[in-house]
Amino acid sequence: MGWRVLFGFVAGFLSVLLVHQTALYVGGRVGFGGGGAWSMAPVSHWRIPSVIVTAALGGLWGVLLVHILPNLGRGLWGAVSAVLIFAVLISLTNWLVLAPLLRHGSGFAASTAIYPLVYNGVWAAGALALLRLTPRAGG
């Protein structure tokens, strides 16, 4: 179980840095609600760059991913299920938990709701791809 947690965290962390942030950058360049990729803007009183905080949260989501993944089945159906579940779960958590905690209102806006769903789904696909490279967690 320890390896699964480690691989899940690393895959989630790296997926934010390599896949999610790249998707945000490309999305911003083509006008799809992106921008702000690899933001070094400090977060909280610890002055940690936003991209590092986001990557750490991605790592925590990666730990959850490796625990849920065995229950979703193998192959394409399991991967598609994981991407859809995490796209919705992460977006709902951001809208209903994190945004109010950070005093940004509810965080939900119907006119832009598709963007986080897509970008969080891209994160999940990236994390799954990275997990496939590990000997024990994604196999």
C-alpha atoms as a PDB file:
ATOM      1  CA  MET A   1       0.000   0.000   0.000  1.00  0.00           C
ATOM      2  CA  GLY A   2       2.887   2.399   0.684  1.00  0.00           C
ATOM      3  CA  TRP A   3       4.103   2.202  -2.905  1.00  0.00           C
ATOM      4  CA  ARG A   4       0.609   2.925  -4.220  1.00  0.00           C
ATOM      5  CA  VAL A   5       0.398   6.059  -2.081  1.00  0.00           C
ATOM      6  CA  LEU A   6       3.837   7.226  -3.195  1.00  0.00           C
ATOM      7  CA  PHE A   7       3.219   6.512  -6.879  1.00  0.00           C
ATOM      8  CA  GLY A   8      -0.233   8.111  -6.695  1.00  0.00           C
ATOM      9  CA  PHE A   9       1.127  11.279  -5.134  1.00  0.00           C
ATOM     10  CA  VAL A  10       4.014  11.568  -7.591  1.00  0.00           C
ATOM     11  CA  ALA A  11       1.768  10.873 -10.601  1.00  0.00           C
ATOM     12  CA  GLY A  12      -0.787  13.461  -9.451  1.00  0.00           C
ATOM     13  CA  PHE A  13       1.894  16.045  -8.669  1.00  0.00           C
ATOM     14  CA  LEU A  14       3.662  15.578 -12.003  1.00  0.00           C
ATOM     15  CA  SER A  15       0.394  15.499 -13.931  1.00  0.00           C
ATOM     16  CA  VAL A  16      -0.356  19.004 -12.671  1.00  0.00           C
ATOM     17  CA  LEU A  17       3.059  20.298 -13.690  1.00  0.00           C
ATOM     18  CA  LEU A  18       3.336  18.528 -17.031  1.00  0.00           C
ATOM     19  CA  VAL A  19      -0.198  17.924 -18.311  1.00  0.00           C
ATOM     20  CA  HIS A  20      -2.715  20.152 -16.506  1.00  0.00           C
ATOM     21  CA  GLN A  21      -0.640  23.314 -16.691  1.00  0.00           C
ATOM     22  CA  THR A  22       0.268  22.669 -20.336  1.00  0.00           C
ATOM     23  CA  ALA A  23      -3.434  22.265 -21.118  1.00  0.00           C
ATOM     24  CA  LEU A  24      -4.152  25.558 -19.314  1.00  0.00           C
ATOM     25  CA  TYR A  25      -1.447  27.274 -21.333  1.00  0.00           C
ATOM     26  CA  VAL A  26      -2.652  25.894 -24.666  1.00  0.00           C
ATOM     27  CA  GLY A  27      -6.269  26.598 -23.711  1.00  0.00           C
ATOM     28  CA  GLY A  28      -5.374  30.189 -22.951  1.00  0.00           C
ATOM     29  CA  ARG A  29      -3.577  30.550 -26.272  1.00  0.00           C
ATOM     30  CA  VAL A  30      -6.583  29.287 -28.249  1.00  0.00           C
ATOM     31  CA  GLY A  31      -9.176  31.159 -26.184  1.00  0.00           C
ATOM     32  CA  PHE A  32     -10.552  28.230 -24.185  1.00  0.00           C
ATOM     33  CA  GLY A  33     -10.726  29.730 -20.706  1.00  0.00           C
ATOM     34  CA  GLY A  34      -7.144  29.004 -19.844  1.00  0.00           C
ATOM     35  CA  GLY A  35      -4.264  31.179 -18.924  1.00  0.00           C
ATOM     36  CA  GLY A  36      -2.465  31.493 -15.651  1.00  0.00           C
ATOM     37  CA  ALA A  37      -0.437  28.370 -16.280  1.00  0.00           C
ATOM     38  CA  TRP A  38       2.599  27.788 -14.070  1.00  0.00           C
ATOM     39  CA  SER A  39       1.622  30.754 -11.908  1.00  0.00           C
ATOM     40  CA  MET A  40       4.282  31.759  -9.413  1.00  0.00           C
ATOM     41  CA  ALA A  41       1.868  34.092  -7.607  1.00  0.00           C
ATOM     42  CA  PRO A  42       2.227  33.442  -3.865  1.00  0.00           C
ATOM     43  CA  VAL A  43      -0.584  31.697  -2.014  1.00  0.00           C
ATOM     44  CA  SER A  44      -1.389  32.267   1.662  1.00  0.00           C
ATOM     45  CA  HIS A  45       0.898  33.708   4.271  1.00  0.00           C
ATOM     46  CA  TRP A  46       3.562  31.077   3.524  1.00  0.00           C
ATOM     47  CA  ARG A  47       4.145  32.675   0.106  1.00  0.00           C
ATOM     48  CA  ILE A  48       4.214  29.327  -1.707  1.00  0.00           C
ATOM     49  CA  PRO A  49       3.831  29.640  -5.507  1.00  0.00           C
ATOM     50  CA  SER A  50       0.352  28.794  -6.738  1.00  0.00           C
ATOM     51  CA  VAL A  51       1.610  26.136  -9.141  1.00  0.00           C
ATOM     52  CA  ILE A  52       3.303  24.254  -6.275  1.00  0.00           C
ATOM     53  CA  VAL A  53       0.143  24.379  -4.141  1.00  0.00           C
ATOM     54  CA  THR A  54      -1.872  23.134  -7.111  1.00  0.00           C
ATOM     55  CA  ALA A  55       0.651  20.348  -7.751  1.00  0.00           C
ATOM     56  CA  ALA A  56       0.532  19.283  -4.090  1.00  0.00           C
ATOM     57  CA  LEU A  57      -3.265  19.124  -4.273  1.00  0.00           C
ATOM     58  CA  GLY A  58      -2.878  17.119  -7.473  1.00  0.00           C
ATOM     59  CA  GLY A  59      -0.658  14.732  -5.547  1.00  0.00           C
ATOM     60  CA  LEU A  60      -3.352  14.255  -2.911  1.00  0.00           C
ATOM     61  CA  TRP A  61      -5.935  13.619  -5.632  1.00  0.00           C
ATOM     62  CA  GLY A  62      -3.481  11.115  -7.117  1.00  0.00           C
ATOM     63  CA  VAL A  63      -3.433   9.193  -3.837  1.00  0.00           C
ATOM     64  CA  LEU A  64      -7.224   8.975  -3.957  1.00  0.00           C
ATOM     65  CA  LEU A  65      -7.040   7.947  -7.611  1.00  0.00           C
ATOM     66  CA  VAL A  66      -4.838   4.909  -6.921  1.00  0.00           C
ATOM     67  CA  HIS A  67      -7.213   3.789  -4.181  1.00  0.00           C
ATOM     68  CA  ILE A  68     -10.333   4.111  -6.334  1.00  0.00           C
ATOM     69  CA  LEU A  69      -8.825   2.832  -9.590  1.00  0.00           C
ATOM     70  CA  PRO A  70      -8.955  -0.908  -8.754  1.00  0.00           C
ATOM     71  CA  ASN A  71     -12.724  -0.621  -8.257  1.00  0.00           C
ATOM     72  CA  LEU A  72     -13.304   0.902 -11.690  1.00  0.00           C
ATOM     73  CA  GLY A  73     -12.130  -2.052 -13.730  1.00  0.00           C
ATOM     74  CA  ARG A  74      -9.279  -2.416 -16.153  1.00  0.00           C
ATOM     75  CA  GLY A  75      -8.864  -1.166 -19.665  1.00  0.00           C
ATOM     76  CA  LEU A  76     -10.568   1.666 -21.451  1.00  0.00           C
ATOM     77  CA  TRP A  77     -13.791   1.593 -19.410  1.00  0.00           C
ATOM     78  CA  GLY A  78     -11.893   1.976 -16.121  1.00  0.00           C
ATOM     79  CA  ALA A  79      -9.777   4.823 -17.498  1.00  0.00           C
ATOM     80  CA  VAL A  80     -12.759   6.704 -18.938  1.00  0.00           C
ATOM     81  CA  SER A  81     -14.651   6.216 -15.675  1.00  0.00           C
ATOM     82  CA  ALA A  82     -11.716   7.568 -13.665  1.00  0.00           C
ATOM     83  CA  VAL A  83     -11.349  10.624 -15.911  1.00  0.00           C
ATOM     84  CA  LEU A  84     -15.058  11.456 -15.691  1.00  0.00           C
ATOM     85  CA  ILE A  85     -15.295  10.838 -11.941  1.00  0.00           C
ATOM     86  CA  PHE A  86     -12.254  12.945 -11.137  1.00  0.00           C
ATOM     87  CA  ALA A  87     -13.204  15.732 -13.551  1.00  0.00           C
ATOM     88  CA  VAL A  88     -16.492  16.123 -11.682  1.00  0.00           C
ATOM     89  CA  LEU A  89     -15.175  15.394  -8.159  1.00  0.00           C
ATOM     90  CA  ILE A  90     -12.273  17.849  -8.329  1.00  0.00           C
ATOM     91  CA  SER A  91     -14.420  20.553  -9.925  1.00  0.00           C
ATOM     92  CA  LEU A  92     -17.142  20.185  -7.284  1.00  0.00           C
ATOM     93  CA  THR A  93     -14.542  20.309  -4.515  1.00  0.00           C
ATOM     94  CA  ASN A  94     -13.031  23.475  -5.975  1.00  0.00           C
ATOM     95  CA  TRP A  95     -16.430  25.156  -6.419  1.00  0.00           C
ATOM     96  CA  LEU A  96     -18.047  24.125  -3.151  1.00  0.00           C
ATOM     97  CA  VAL A  97     -15.151  23.778  -0.704  1.00  0.00           C
ATOM     98  CA  LEU A  98     -11.950  25.539  -1.771  1.00  0.00           C
ATOM     99  CA  ALA A  99     -13.415  28.706  -3.320  1.00  0.00           C
ATOM    100  CA  PRO A 100     -15.556  29.516  -0.247  1.00  0.00           C
ATOM    101  CA  LEU A 101     -12.616  28.760   2.070  1.00  0.00           C
ATOM    102  CA  LEU A 102     -10.452  31.148   0.075  1.00  0.00           C
ATOM    103  CA  ARG A 103     -13.281  33.709   0.137  1.00  0.00           C
ATOM    104  CA  HIS A 104     -13.855  33.639  -3.616  1.00  0.00           C
ATOM    105  CA  GLY A 105     -17.610  33.134  -3.360  1.00  0.00           C
ATOM    106  CA  SER A 106     -18.989  29.777  -4.439  1.00  0.00           C
ATOM    107  CA  GLY A 107     -16.495  29.498  -7.291  1.00  0.00           C
ATOM    108  CA  PHE A 108     -19.204  28.180  -9.613  1.00  0.00           C
ATOM    109  CA  ALA A 109     -20.296  30.085 -12.696  1.00  0.00           C
ATOM    110  CA  ALA A 110     -22.542  28.287 -15.175  1.00  0.00           C
ATOM    111  CA  SER A 111     -21.082  30.215 -18.102  1.00  0.00           C
ATOM    112  CA  THR A 112     -17.565  28.915 -17.425  1.00  0.00           C
ATOM    113  CA  ALA A 113     -18.291  25.550 -15.755  1.00  0.00           C
ATOM    114  CA  ILE A 114     -16.962  23.545 -18.685  1.00  0.00           C
ATOM    115  CA  TYR A 115     -13.378  24.796 -18.271  1.00  0.00           C
ATOM    116  CA  PRO A 116     -12.520  23.212 -14.923  1.00  0.00           C
ATOM    117  CA  LEU A 117     -14.302  20.011 -15.922  1.00  0.00           C
ATOM    118  CA  VAL A 118     -12.124  19.725 -19.028  1.00  0.00           C
ATOM    119  CA  TYR A 119      -8.870  20.718 -17.316  1.00  0.00           C
ATOM    120  CA  ASN A 120      -9.475  18.424 -14.340  1.00  0.00           C
ATOM    121  CA  GLY A 121     -10.293  15.594 -16.740  1.00  0.00           C
ATOM    122  CA  VAL A 122      -7.029  16.284 -18.549  1.00  0.00           C
ATOM    123  CA  TRP A 123      -5.236  16.103 -15.188  1.00  0.00           C
ATOM    124  CA  ALA A 124      -6.818  12.696 -14.494  1.00  0.00           C
ATOM    125  CA  ALA A 125      -5.848  11.371 -17.924  1.00  0.00           C
ATOM    126  CA  GLY A 126      -2.281  12.561 -17.345  1.00  0.00           C
ATOM    127  CA  ALA A 127      -2.130  10.990 -13.903  1.00  0.00           C
ATOM    128  CA  LEU A 128      -3.438   7.699 -15.311  1.00  0.00           C
ATOM    129  CA  ALA A 129      -0.834   7.780 -18.080  1.00  0.00           C
ATOM    130  CA  LEU A 130       1.930   8.409 -15.538  1.00  0.00           C
ATOM    131  CA  LEU A 131       0.634   5.622 -13.308  1.00  0.00           C
ATOM    132  CA  ARG A 132       0.864   3.218 -16.250  1.00  0.00           C
ATOM    133  CA  LEU A 133       4.627   3.832 -16.181  1.00  0.00           C
ATOM    134  CA  THR A 134       4.937   2.629 -12.586  1.00  0.00           C
ATOM    135  CA  PRO A 135       5.613  -1.027 -11.787  1.00  0.00           C
ATOM    136  CA  ARG A 136       2.916  -1.452  -9.139  1.00  0.00           C
ATOM    137  CA  ALA A 137       0.379   1.377  -9.016  1.00  0.00           C
ATOM    138  CA  GLY A 138      -1.021   1.606 -12.503  1.00  0.00           C
ATOM    139  CA  GLY A 139      -0.302  -1.774 -14.022  1.00  0.00           C
END
